[in-house]
Amino acid sequence: MDLELAQRLDRIERLLATQKKVLNFDEVCDYTGISKSYLYKLTSQNKIPFSKPNGKVIFFEKEELDKWLLLNRQKTIKEIEDEASNYMFQNRKF
């Protein structure tokens, strides 16, 4: 029973952390599911938006992080088919 209670408390803490506007390194790992080592790599290569206000501790703005997570969206087959149909309709020769 204690283990189940600890797991529930952990889930609640994670949910509360995602309601914040600014997340710390560990919270970003929990929020995104990205491992710490990969997140270190992303920050060192400046491939993810972050702030370092005091030169040491890294912070992430949740809104920017959400935008970054949704980069390179893949279109559905339906969207591709619709675009192809529209292109064919607009560019047909009479």
N, C-alpha and C. Protein backbone atom coordinates (compact mmCIF):
# COMPACT_ATOMS: atom_id res chain seq x y z
N MET A 1 0.82 -1.20 0.00
CA MET A 1 0.00 0.00 0.00
C MET A 1 0.86 1.26 0.00
N ASP A 2 1.96 1.27 0.74
CA ASP A 2 2.83 2.44 0.78
C ASP A 2 3.44 2.73 -0.58
N LEU A 3 3.79 1.68 -1.32
CA LEU A 3 4.37 1.86 -2.65
C LEU A 3 3.35 2.49 -3.59
N GLU A 4 2.12 2.03 -3.53
CA GLU A 4 1.06 2.59 -4.37
C GLU A 4 0.82 4.05 -4.03
N LEU A 5 0.83 4.39 -2.78
CA LEU A 5 0.63 5.77 -2.35
C LEU A 5 1.79 6.65 -2.83
N ALA A 6 3.00 6.15 -2.74
CA ALA A 6 4.18 6.90 -3.20
C ALA A 6 4.11 7.13 -4.71
N GLN A 7 3.65 6.13 -5.45
CA GLN A 7 3.52 6.28 -6.90
C GLN A 7 2.46 7.31 -7.26
N ARG A 8 1.36 7.30 -6.55
CA ARG A 8 0.30 8.29 -6.79
C ARG A 8 0.79 9.70 -6.48
N LEU A 9 1.50 9.85 -5.38
CA LEU A 9 2.04 11.14 -5.01
C LEU A 9 3.03 11.64 -6.06
N ASP A 10 3.84 10.75 -6.57
CA ASP A 10 4.81 11.10 -7.62
C ASP A 10 4.08 11.58 -8.87
N ARG A 11 3.01 10.89 -9.28
CA ARG A 11 2.24 11.31 -10.45
C ARG A 11 1.60 12.68 -10.24
N ILE A 12 1.09 12.92 -9.04
CA ILE A 12 0.49 14.22 -8.74
C ILE A 12 1.53 15.33 -8.80
N GLU A 13 2.71 15.08 -8.26
CA GLU A 13 3.78 16.07 -8.30
C GLU A 13 4.18 16.37 -9.74
N ARG A 14 4.24 15.36 -10.58
CA ARG A 14 4.59 15.56 -11.99
C ARG A 14 3.53 16.37 -12.71
N LEU A 15 2.28 16.10 -12.42
CA LEU A 15 1.19 16.86 -13.03
C LEU A 15 1.24 18.33 -12.60
N LEU A 16 1.52 18.57 -11.35
CA LEU A 16 1.62 19.95 -10.87
C LEU A 16 2.79 20.67 -11.53
N ALA A 17 3.88 19.96 -11.74
CA ALA A 17 5.05 20.58 -12.37
C ALA A 17 4.74 21.01 -13.80
N THR A 18 3.89 20.28 -14.48
CA THR A 18 3.58 20.63 -15.87
C THR A 18 2.66 21.85 -15.96
N GLN A 19 2.13 22.30 -14.85
CA GLN A 19 1.28 23.50 -14.84
C GLN A 19 2.11 24.78 -14.72
N LYS A 20 3.39 24.63 -14.43
CA LYS A 20 4.28 25.78 -14.30
C LYS A 20 4.63 26.34 -15.68
N LYS A 21 4.97 27.63 -15.72
CA LYS A 21 5.38 28.26 -16.99
C LYS A 21 6.85 28.01 -17.29
N VAL A 22 7.66 27.87 -16.24
CA VAL A 22 9.09 27.65 -16.40
C VAL A 22 9.45 26.35 -15.69
N LEU A 23 10.17 25.49 -16.42
CA LEU A 23 10.54 24.18 -15.88
C LEU A 23 12.06 24.09 -15.72
N ASN A 24 12.49 23.34 -14.71
CA ASN A 24 13.91 23.08 -14.57
C ASN A 24 14.29 21.82 -15.36
N PHE A 25 15.54 21.48 -15.33
CA PHE A 25 16.06 20.38 -16.14
C PHE A 25 15.33 19.06 -15.87
N ASP A 26 15.23 18.70 -14.59
CA ASP A 26 14.58 17.43 -14.23
C ASP A 26 13.10 17.42 -14.61
N GLU A 27 12.44 18.55 -14.43
CA GLU A 27 11.02 18.63 -14.79
C GLU A 27 10.83 18.46 -16.29
N VAL A 28 11.76 18.98 -17.10
CA VAL A 28 11.67 18.81 -18.55
C VAL A 28 11.83 17.34 -18.92
N CYS A 29 12.74 16.66 -18.25
CA CYS A 29 12.91 15.22 -18.51
C CYS A 29 11.62 14.46 -18.21
N ASP A 30 11.00 14.79 -17.09
CA ASP A 30 9.73 14.14 -16.73
C ASP A 30 8.63 14.51 -17.72
N TYR A 31 8.55 15.79 -18.07
CA TYR A 31 7.48 16.29 -18.94
C TYR A 31 7.57 15.72 -20.35
N THR A 32 8.78 15.63 -20.89
CA THR A 32 8.95 15.20 -22.28
C THR A 32 9.26 13.72 -22.43
N GLY A 33 9.78 13.11 -21.38
CA GLY A 33 10.22 11.72 -21.49
C GLY A 33 11.61 11.59 -22.09
N ILE A 34 12.28 12.72 -22.28
CA ILE A 34 13.65 12.73 -22.82
C ILE A 34 14.60 12.39 -21.68
N SER A 35 15.58 11.55 -21.97
CA SER A 35 16.55 11.18 -20.95
C SER A 35 17.45 12.37 -20.62
N LYS A 36 18.04 12.35 -19.43
CA LYS A 36 18.92 13.44 -19.01
C LYS A 36 20.11 13.58 -19.96
N SER A 37 20.68 12.46 -20.36
CA SER A 37 21.87 12.54 -21.23
C SER A 37 21.51 13.15 -22.59
N TYR A 38 20.36 12.80 -23.13
CA TYR A 38 19.96 13.36 -24.42
C TYR A 38 19.61 14.84 -24.28
N LEU A 39 18.98 15.22 -23.17
CA LEU A 39 18.65 16.62 -22.95
C LEU A 39 19.93 17.45 -22.79
N TYR A 40 20.95 16.90 -22.11
CA TYR A 40 22.24 17.58 -22.02
C TYR A 40 22.81 17.80 -23.42
N LYS A 41 22.71 16.77 -24.25
CA LYS A 41 23.23 16.86 -25.62
C LYS A 41 22.48 17.95 -26.40
N LEU A 42 21.16 17.97 -26.29
CA LEU A 42 20.35 18.98 -27.00
C LEU A 42 20.70 20.39 -26.56
N THR A 43 20.90 20.58 -25.25
CA THR A 43 21.23 21.92 -24.77
C THR A 43 22.65 22.31 -25.16
N SER A 44 23.58 21.39 -25.10
CA SER A 44 24.96 21.72 -25.45
C SER A 44 25.10 22.06 -26.93
N GLN A 45 24.24 21.51 -27.76
CA GLN A 45 24.26 21.78 -29.20
C GLN A 45 23.27 22.88 -29.59
N ASN A 46 22.65 23.50 -28.59
CA ASN A 46 21.65 24.56 -28.81
C ASN A 46 20.55 24.13 -29.77
N LYS A 47 20.09 22.90 -29.62
CA LYS A 47 19.02 22.39 -30.47
C LYS A 47 17.65 22.47 -29.81
N ILE A 48 17.62 22.95 -28.57
CA ILE A 48 16.37 23.09 -27.83
C ILE A 48 16.41 24.46 -27.15
N PRO A 49 15.29 25.19 -27.13
CA PRO A 49 15.31 26.52 -26.51
C PRO A 49 15.41 26.42 -24.98
N PHE A 50 16.35 27.16 -24.41
CA PHE A 50 16.52 27.18 -22.96
C PHE A 50 17.13 28.51 -22.53
N SER A 51 17.09 28.76 -21.23
CA SER A 51 17.68 29.97 -20.66
C SER A 51 18.65 29.58 -19.56
N LYS A 52 19.68 30.40 -19.41
CA LYS A 52 20.69 30.21 -18.37
C LYS A 52 20.91 31.57 -17.71
N PRO A 53 19.97 32.02 -16.88
CA PRO A 53 20.04 33.39 -16.36
C PRO A 53 21.28 33.69 -15.51
N ASN A 54 21.76 32.71 -14.77
CA ASN A 54 22.92 32.97 -13.92
C ASN A 54 24.17 32.25 -14.44
N GLY A 55 24.08 31.69 -15.64
CA GLY A 55 25.23 31.02 -16.23
C GLY A 55 25.44 29.60 -15.80
N LYS A 56 24.62 29.09 -14.90
CA LYS A 56 24.80 27.72 -14.42
C LYS A 56 23.54 26.87 -14.56
N VAL A 57 22.47 27.32 -13.94
CA VAL A 57 21.23 26.55 -13.92
C VAL A 57 20.45 26.79 -15.21
N ILE A 58 19.92 25.71 -15.78
CA ILE A 58 19.19 25.78 -17.04
C ILE A 58 17.69 25.75 -16.76
N PHE A 59 16.96 26.65 -17.44
CA PHE A 59 15.50 26.68 -17.34
C PHE A 59 14.90 26.64 -18.74
N PHE A 60 13.68 26.14 -18.80
CA PHE A 60 12.97 26.00 -20.06
C PHE A 60 11.59 26.62 -19.91
N GLU A 61 11.20 27.44 -20.89
CA GLU A 61 9.84 27.99 -20.90
C GLU A 61 8.93 26.93 -21.50
N LYS A 62 7.90 26.57 -20.78
CA LYS A 62 7.03 25.47 -21.19
C LYS A 62 6.42 25.72 -22.57
N GLU A 63 6.00 26.95 -22.84
CA GLU A 63 5.37 27.27 -24.13
C GLU A 63 6.36 27.07 -25.29
N GLU A 64 7.60 27.51 -25.10
CA GLU A 64 8.62 27.31 -26.13
C GLU A 64 8.95 25.83 -26.29
N LEU A 65 8.97 25.13 -25.18
CA LEU A 65 9.25 23.70 -25.21
C LEU A 65 8.15 22.96 -25.98
N ASP A 66 6.90 23.34 -25.75
CA ASP A 66 5.79 22.71 -26.47
C ASP A 66 5.90 22.96 -27.97
N LYS A 67 6.27 24.18 -28.36
CA LYS A 67 6.45 24.48 -29.78
C LYS A 67 7.58 23.64 -30.37
N TRP A 68 8.67 23.52 -29.62
CA TRP A 68 9.81 22.73 -30.08
C TRP A 68 9.42 21.25 -30.24
N LEU A 69 8.65 20.75 -29.30
CA LEU A 69 8.22 19.34 -29.35
C LEU A 69 7.37 19.06 -30.58
N LEU A 70 6.66 20.07 -31.07
CA LEU A 70 5.76 19.88 -32.20
C LEU A 70 6.38 20.28 -33.55
N LEU A 71 7.68 20.53 -33.57
CA LEU A 71 8.36 20.82 -34.84
C LEU A 71 8.33 19.58 -35.74
N ASN A 72 8.48 19.81 -37.00
CA ASN A 72 8.55 18.72 -37.99
C ASN A 72 7.33 17.81 -37.94
N ARG A 73 6.18 18.43 -37.88
CA ARG A 73 4.93 17.66 -37.86
C ARG A 73 4.80 16.87 -39.15
N GLN A 74 4.40 15.64 -39.04
CA GLN A 74 4.20 14.77 -40.19
C GLN A 74 2.73 14.84 -40.60
N LYS A 75 2.50 15.07 -41.88
CA LYS A 75 1.13 15.15 -42.38
C LYS A 75 0.52 13.75 -42.46
N THR A 76 -0.78 13.71 -42.29
CA THR A 76 -1.49 12.44 -42.44
C THR A 76 -1.64 12.14 -43.94
N ILE A 77 -1.93 10.92 -44.24
CA ILE A 77 -2.16 10.52 -45.63
C ILE A 77 -3.32 11.33 -46.21
N LYS A 78 -4.35 11.55 -45.42
CA LYS A 78 -5.50 12.33 -45.87
C LYS A 78 -5.09 13.76 -46.24
N GLU A 79 -4.26 14.39 -45.42
CA GLU A 79 -3.81 15.75 -45.71
C GLU A 79 -2.99 15.79 -47.01
N ILE A 80 -2.13 14.81 -47.19
CA ILE A 80 -1.32 14.73 -48.41
C ILE A 80 -2.21 14.53 -49.63
N GLU A 81 -3.18 13.64 -49.51
CA GLU A 81 -4.10 13.39 -50.62
C GLU A 81 -4.90 14.65 -50.96
N ASP A 82 -5.36 15.36 -49.92
CA ASP A 82 -6.12 16.60 -50.14
C ASP A 82 -5.26 17.66 -50.84
N GLU A 83 -4.02 17.79 -50.42
CA GLU A 83 -3.11 18.75 -51.06
C GLU A 83 -2.87 18.37 -52.52
N ALA A 84 -2.69 17.09 -52.78
CA ALA A 84 -2.46 16.63 -54.15
C ALA A 84 -3.69 16.91 -55.02
N SER A 85 -4.87 16.64 -54.48
CA SER A 85 -6.11 16.91 -55.23
C SER A 85 -6.26 18.39 -55.52
N ASN A 86 -6.01 19.23 -54.52
CA ASN A 86 -6.10 20.68 -54.71
C ASN A 86 -5.08 21.15 -55.75
N TYR A 87 -3.89 20.63 -55.69
CA TYR A 87 -2.85 21.01 -56.65
C TYR A 87 -3.28 20.62 -58.06
N MET A 88 -3.77 19.39 -58.21
CA MET A 88 -4.18 18.91 -59.53
C MET A 88 -5.35 19.75 -60.06
N PHE A 89 -6.29 20.09 -59.18
CA PHE A 89 -7.44 20.89 -59.60
C PHE A 89 -7.01 22.29 -60.03
N GLN A 90 -6.13 22.90 -59.27
CA GLN A 90 -5.70 24.27 -59.56
C GLN A 90 -4.76 24.35 -60.76
N ASN A 91 -4.06 23.30 -61.06
CA ASN A 91 -3.06 23.34 -62.11
C ASN A 91 -3.44 22.52 -63.36
N ARG A 92 -4.68 22.16 -63.46
CA ARG A 92 -5.09 21.40 -64.65
C ARG A 92 -5.17 22.34 -65.85
N LYS A 93 -4.90 21.79 -66.98
CA LYS A 93 -4.92 22.58 -68.22
C LYS A 93 -6.20 22.28 -68.99
N PHE A 94 -6.84 23.32 -69.39
CA PHE A 94 -8.11 23.17 -70.08
C PHE A 94 -7.90 23.06 -71.56
